Amino acid sequence: MTEIFELTSLKQSENFLQTQCHKGVKEGNPVIPLSAVTKSNEF
């Protein structure tokens, strides 16, 4: 049960990071590449 929850929260945080990146791109702010973020999430 905890594994499923962790996977869900990881997916949610990934989606959150994606929207934050898109916002940053729109506003012209420097953004961390999503590939770097996903790499740090790999175990």
C-alpha atoms as a PDB file:
ATOM      1  CA  MET A   1       0.000   0.000   0.000  1.00  0.00           C
ATOM      2  CA  THR A   2       2.798   2.440   0.848  1.00  0.00           C
ATOM      3  CA  GLU A   3       4.550   1.656  -2.441  1.00  0.00           C
ATOM      4  CA  ILE A   4       1.453   2.648  -4.409  1.00  0.00           C
ATOM      5  CA  PHE A   5       1.174   5.849  -2.397  1.00  0.00           C
ATOM      6  CA  GLU A   6       4.830   6.690  -3.001  1.00  0.00           C
ATOM      7  CA  LEU A   7       4.425   6.095  -6.717  1.00  0.00           C
ATOM      8  CA  THR A   8       1.354   8.333  -6.798  1.00  0.00           C
ATOM      9  CA  SER A   9       3.028  11.157  -4.893  1.00  0.00           C
ATOM     10  CA  LEU A  10       6.102  10.828  -7.119  1.00  0.00           C
ATOM     11  CA  LYS A  11       3.909  11.154 -10.194  1.00  0.00           C
ATOM     12  CA  GLN A  12       2.140  14.156  -8.670  1.00  0.00           C
ATOM     13  CA  SER A  13       5.422  15.886  -7.853  1.00  0.00           C
ATOM     14  CA  GLU A  14       6.616  15.138 -11.389  1.00  0.00           C
ATOM     15  CA  ASN A  15       3.492  16.782 -12.817  1.00  0.00           C
ATOM     16  CA  PHE A  16       3.985  19.700 -10.437  1.00  0.00           C
ATOM     17  CA  LEU A  17       7.585  20.123 -11.582  1.00  0.00           C
ATOM     18  CA  GLN A  18       6.467  20.014 -15.214  1.00  0.00           C
ATOM     19  CA  THR A  19       3.893  22.771 -14.695  1.00  0.00           C
ATOM     20  CA  GLN A  20       6.467  24.811 -12.758  1.00  0.00           C
ATOM     21  CA  CYS A  21       8.914  24.390 -15.666  1.00  0.00           C
ATOM     22  CA  HIS A  22       6.290  25.504 -18.189  1.00  0.00           C
ATOM     23  CA  LYS A  23       5.478  28.536 -16.027  1.00  0.00           C
ATOM     24  CA  GLY A  24       9.177  29.375 -15.803  1.00  0.00           C
ATOM     25  CA  VAL A  25       9.593  29.076 -19.568  1.00  0.00           C
ATOM     26  CA  LYS A  26       6.612  31.356 -20.166  1.00  0.00           C
ATOM     27  CA  GLU A  27       7.978  33.946 -17.761  1.00  0.00           C
ATOM     28  CA  GLY A  28      11.488  33.592 -19.187  1.00  0.00           C
ATOM     29  CA  ASN A  29      12.998  32.278 -15.960  1.00  0.00           C
ATOM     30  CA  PRO A  30      15.898  29.806 -15.973  1.00  0.00           C
ATOM     31  CA  VAL A  31      14.559  26.288 -15.433  1.00  0.00           C
ATOM     32  CA  ILE A  32      16.109  22.985 -14.419  1.00  0.00           C
ATOM     33  CA  PRO A  33      15.818  20.584 -17.378  1.00  0.00           C
ATOM     34  CA  LEU A  34      13.191  17.951 -16.691  1.00  0.00           C
ATOM     35  CA  SER A  35      15.637  15.197 -17.643  1.00  0.00           C
ATOM     36  CA  ALA A  36      17.874  16.197 -14.737  1.00  0.00           C
ATOM     37  CA  VAL A  37      14.889  16.066 -12.388  1.00  0.00           C
ATOM     38  CA  THR A  38      13.739  12.626 -13.518  1.00  0.00           C
ATOM     39  CA  LYS A  39      17.290  11.280 -13.303  1.00  0.00           C
ATOM     40  CA  SER A  40      17.480  12.292  -9.635  1.00  0.00           C
ATOM     41  CA  ASN A  41      14.220  10.406  -9.008  1.00  0.00           C
ATOM     42  CA  GLU A  42      15.551   7.123 -10.427  1.00  0.00           C
ATOM     43  CA  PHE A  43      16.660   4.526  -7.907  1.00  0.00           C
END
